[in-house]
């Protein structure tokens, strides 16, 4: 996973891209408390962080993972 900081508030999260549509974001407790958008009621995403992640992908700082291992094979390499 790669560290990405929000360009709006500086909150840092861990990110992994599995496809253009699938992004895994790991939030620490301190990051969740620091994010100004997540502190609102009923909010489960941060648009500013999403844009920061997209910018990191465009710049090459975060790459789209290509899995050589299929989850269904329990870790065996797929040809």
N, C-alpha and C. Protein backbone atom coordinates (compact mmCIF):
# COMPACT_ATOMS: atom_id res chain seq x y z
N UNK A 1 0.85 -1.18 0.00
CA UNK A 1 0.00 0.00 0.00
C UNK A 1 0.89 1.24 0.00
N UNK A 2 0.39 2.29 -0.62
CA UNK A 2 1.14 3.54 -0.73
C UNK A 2 0.48 4.61 0.13
N UNK A 3 1.31 5.46 0.74
CA UNK A 3 0.78 6.58 1.51
C UNK A 3 0.33 7.69 0.57
N UNK A 4 -0.85 8.22 0.83
CA UNK A 4 -1.35 9.38 0.09
C UNK A 4 -1.87 10.38 1.11
N UNK A 5 -1.45 11.63 0.94
CA UNK A 5 -1.92 12.71 1.81
C UNK A 5 -2.96 13.54 1.07
N UNK A 6 -3.99 13.91 1.78
CA UNK A 6 -5.04 14.75 1.22
C UNK A 6 -4.46 16.14 0.94
N UNK A 7 -4.67 16.62 -0.26
CA UNK A 7 -4.16 17.94 -0.63
C UNK A 7 -4.96 19.06 0.03
N UNK A 8 -6.08 18.72 0.63
CA UNK A 8 -6.90 19.73 1.30
C UNK A 8 -6.50 19.91 2.77
N UNK A 9 -6.43 18.79 3.51
CA UNK A 9 -6.18 18.89 4.95
C UNK A 9 -4.90 18.20 5.41
N UNK A 10 -4.25 17.43 4.53
CA UNK A 10 -3.01 16.77 4.89
C UNK A 10 -3.16 15.41 5.54
N UNK A 11 -4.39 14.95 5.76
CA UNK A 11 -4.62 13.63 6.33
C UNK A 11 -3.96 12.58 5.46
N UNK A 12 -3.26 11.63 6.09
CA UNK A 12 -2.53 10.59 5.36
C UNK A 12 -3.22 9.24 5.54
N UNK A 13 -3.43 8.53 4.43
CA UNK A 13 -4.03 7.19 4.44
C UNK A 13 -3.15 6.27 3.61
N UNK A 14 -3.42 4.97 3.70
CA UNK A 14 -2.75 3.98 2.86
C UNK A 14 -3.70 3.59 1.74
N UNK A 15 -3.17 3.50 0.52
CA UNK A 15 -4.00 3.27 -0.66
C UNK A 15 -3.42 2.17 -1.52
N UNK A 16 -4.31 1.34 -2.08
CA UNK A 16 -3.92 0.38 -3.11
C UNK A 16 -5.00 0.38 -4.18
N UNK A 17 -4.57 0.46 -5.43
CA UNK A 17 -5.49 0.43 -6.57
C UNK A 17 -5.43 -0.96 -7.19
N UNK A 18 -6.59 -1.58 -7.36
CA UNK A 18 -6.66 -2.89 -7.99
C UNK A 18 -7.17 -2.80 -9.42
N UNK A 19 -7.83 -1.71 -9.75
CA UNK A 19 -8.32 -1.44 -11.10
C UNK A 19 -8.70 0.04 -11.11
N UNK A 20 -9.02 0.59 -12.27
CA UNK A 20 -9.45 1.99 -12.28
C UNK A 20 -10.67 2.25 -11.38
N UNK A 21 -11.52 1.24 -11.20
CA UNK A 21 -12.73 1.41 -10.40
C UNK A 21 -12.58 0.98 -8.95
N UNK A 22 -11.57 0.16 -8.63
CA UNK A 22 -11.44 -0.44 -7.30
C UNK A 22 -10.23 0.13 -6.58
N UNK A 23 -10.51 0.86 -5.51
CA UNK A 23 -9.46 1.45 -4.68
C UNK A 23 -9.68 1.02 -3.24
N UNK A 24 -8.64 0.50 -2.62
CA UNK A 24 -8.70 0.15 -1.20
C UNK A 24 -8.01 1.27 -0.41
N UNK A 25 -8.72 1.81 0.58
CA UNK A 25 -8.18 2.89 1.40
C UNK A 25 -8.19 2.43 2.85
N UNK A 26 -7.04 2.49 3.49
CA UNK A 26 -6.93 2.11 4.90
C UNK A 26 -6.76 3.38 5.73
N UNK A 27 -7.74 3.62 6.58
CA UNK A 27 -7.74 4.81 7.44
C UNK A 27 -7.25 4.43 8.84
N UNK A 28 -6.36 5.22 9.42
CA UNK A 28 -6.02 5.07 10.83
C UNK A 28 -7.06 5.84 11.64
N UNK A 29 -7.10 5.57 12.92
CA UNK A 29 -8.05 6.31 13.77
C UNK A 29 -7.75 7.81 13.75
N UNK A 30 -6.46 8.14 13.80
CA UNK A 30 -6.10 9.57 13.82
C UNK A 30 -6.48 10.24 12.50
N UNK A 31 -6.34 9.53 11.38
CA UNK A 31 -6.73 10.09 10.08
C UNK A 31 -8.23 10.32 10.03
N UNK A 32 -8.99 9.38 10.56
CA UNK A 32 -10.45 9.53 10.56
C UNK A 32 -10.88 10.74 11.39
N UNK A 33 -10.19 10.95 12.52
CA UNK A 33 -10.53 12.10 13.37
C UNK A 33 -10.11 13.42 12.72
N UNK A 34 -9.01 13.39 11.95
CA UNK A 34 -8.47 14.62 11.36
C UNK A 34 -9.21 15.07 10.12
N UNK A 35 -9.86 14.15 9.40
CA UNK A 35 -10.53 14.49 8.15
C UNK A 35 -11.76 15.35 8.43
N UNK A 36 -11.78 16.54 7.85
CA UNK A 36 -12.90 17.45 8.09
C UNK A 36 -14.18 16.98 7.41
N UNK A 37 -14.08 16.27 6.29
CA UNK A 37 -15.29 15.78 5.60
C UNK A 37 -15.89 14.58 6.32
N UNK A 38 -15.05 13.68 6.85
CA UNK A 38 -15.56 12.49 7.53
C UNK A 38 -16.18 12.82 8.88
N UNK A 39 -15.86 13.96 9.43
CA UNK A 39 -16.39 14.30 10.75
C UNK A 39 -17.88 14.64 10.71
N UNK A 40 -18.43 14.85 9.52
CA UNK A 40 -19.86 15.15 9.39
C UNK A 40 -20.71 13.90 9.57
N UNK A 41 -21.93 14.07 10.05
CA UNK A 41 -22.81 12.91 10.26
C UNK A 41 -23.19 12.24 8.94
N UNK A 42 -23.13 10.91 8.93
CA UNK A 42 -23.55 10.14 7.76
C UNK A 42 -22.60 10.19 6.58
N UNK A 43 -21.42 10.78 6.75
CA UNK A 43 -20.46 10.88 5.66
C UNK A 43 -19.49 9.71 5.72
N UNK A 44 -19.36 8.99 4.61
CA UNK A 44 -18.48 7.82 4.57
C UNK A 44 -17.38 7.96 3.53
N UNK A 45 -17.22 9.13 2.97
CA UNK A 45 -16.19 9.33 1.97
C UNK A 45 -15.71 10.78 2.04
N UNK A 46 -14.54 11.01 1.46
CA UNK A 46 -13.98 12.35 1.43
C UNK A 46 -13.63 12.68 -0.02
N UNK A 47 -14.36 13.62 -0.59
CA UNK A 47 -14.15 13.99 -2.00
C UNK A 47 -12.75 14.56 -2.23
N UNK A 48 -12.25 15.33 -1.27
CA UNK A 48 -10.91 15.92 -1.41
C UNK A 48 -9.84 14.83 -1.42
N UNK A 49 -9.99 13.83 -0.56
CA UNK A 49 -9.02 12.73 -0.55
C UNK A 49 -9.14 11.92 -1.83
N UNK A 50 -10.35 11.69 -2.30
CA UNK A 50 -10.55 10.96 -3.56
C UNK A 50 -9.79 11.64 -4.69
N UNK A 51 -9.89 12.96 -4.78
CA UNK A 51 -9.16 13.70 -5.81
C UNK A 51 -7.65 13.59 -5.60
N UNK A 52 -7.21 13.59 -4.36
CA UNK A 52 -5.78 13.44 -4.07
C UNK A 52 -5.28 12.07 -4.51
N UNK A 53 -6.09 11.03 -4.29
CA UNK A 53 -5.72 9.68 -4.73
C UNK A 53 -5.68 9.63 -6.25
N UNK A 54 -6.69 10.18 -6.90
CA UNK A 54 -6.71 10.19 -8.37
C UNK A 54 -5.49 10.92 -8.93
N UNK A 55 -5.10 12.03 -8.30
CA UNK A 55 -3.92 12.78 -8.74
C UNK A 55 -2.66 11.96 -8.54
N UNK A 56 -2.58 11.21 -7.43
CA UNK A 56 -1.42 10.35 -7.18
C UNK A 56 -1.32 9.24 -8.22
N UNK A 57 -2.46 8.71 -8.64
CA UNK A 57 -2.46 7.68 -9.69
C UNK A 57 -2.01 8.29 -11.02
N UNK A 58 -2.56 9.45 -11.37
CA UNK A 58 -2.18 10.10 -12.63
C UNK A 58 -0.69 10.43 -12.68
N UNK A 59 -0.11 10.80 -11.54
CA UNK A 59 1.31 11.18 -11.51
C UNK A 59 2.23 9.97 -11.42
N UNK A 60 1.67 8.78 -11.16
CA UNK A 60 2.48 7.57 -11.06
C UNK A 60 2.95 7.25 -9.65
N UNK A 61 2.59 8.08 -8.67
CA UNK A 61 2.98 7.80 -7.28
C UNK A 61 2.24 6.58 -6.72
N UNK A 62 1.05 6.32 -7.23
CA UNK A 62 0.28 5.13 -6.89
C UNK A 62 -0.01 4.42 -8.20
N UNK A 63 0.34 3.14 -8.25
CA UNK A 63 0.10 2.38 -9.48
C UNK A 63 -1.07 1.43 -9.28
N UNK A 64 -1.65 1.01 -10.39
CA UNK A 64 -2.72 0.02 -10.35
C UNK A 64 -2.06 -1.34 -10.22
N UNK A 65 -2.42 -2.07 -9.15
CA UNK A 65 -1.83 -3.38 -8.90
C UNK A 65 -2.29 -4.38 -9.95
N UNK A 66 -1.39 -5.23 -10.34
CA UNK A 66 -1.75 -6.36 -11.18
C UNK A 66 -1.48 -7.60 -10.35
N UNK A 67 -2.52 -8.26 -9.97
CA UNK A 67 -2.38 -9.43 -9.11
C UNK A 67 -1.94 -10.63 -9.93
N UNK A 68 -0.86 -11.26 -9.50
CA UNK A 68 -0.41 -12.50 -10.12
C UNK A 68 -1.02 -13.70 -9.42
N UNK A 69 -1.69 -13.43 -8.31
CA UNK A 69 -2.26 -14.51 -7.52
C UNK A 69 -3.77 -14.32 -7.48
N UNK A 70 -4.50 -15.37 -7.77
CA UNK A 70 -5.96 -15.34 -7.73
C UNK A 70 -6.41 -15.77 -6.34
N UNK A 71 -7.28 -14.99 -5.73
CA UNK A 71 -7.75 -15.29 -4.38
C UNK A 71 -8.38 -16.67 -4.31
N UNK A 72 -9.09 -17.08 -5.34
CA UNK A 72 -9.77 -18.38 -5.32
C UNK A 72 -8.81 -19.55 -5.33
N UNK A 73 -7.56 -19.33 -5.74
CA UNK A 73 -6.59 -20.43 -5.78
C UNK A 73 -5.82 -20.54 -4.48
N UNK A 74 -6.18 -19.71 -3.51
CA UNK A 74 -5.55 -19.72 -2.18
C UNK A 74 -4.04 -19.47 -2.25
N UNK A 75 -3.66 -18.54 -3.09
CA UNK A 75 -2.27 -18.12 -3.13
C UNK A 75 -1.41 -18.77 -4.18
N UNK A 76 -1.92 -19.77 -4.88
CA UNK A 76 -1.12 -20.38 -5.95
C UNK A 76 -1.10 -19.44 -7.14
N UNK A 77 0.02 -19.35 -7.80
CA UNK A 77 0.15 -18.48 -8.96
C UNK A 77 -0.72 -18.97 -10.10
N UNK A 78 -1.41 -18.04 -10.74
CA UNK A 78 -2.28 -18.35 -11.87
C UNK A 78 -1.49 -18.13 -13.14
N UNK A 79 -1.53 -19.09 -14.03
CA UNK A 79 -0.77 -18.98 -15.29
C UNK A 79 -1.44 -18.04 -16.26
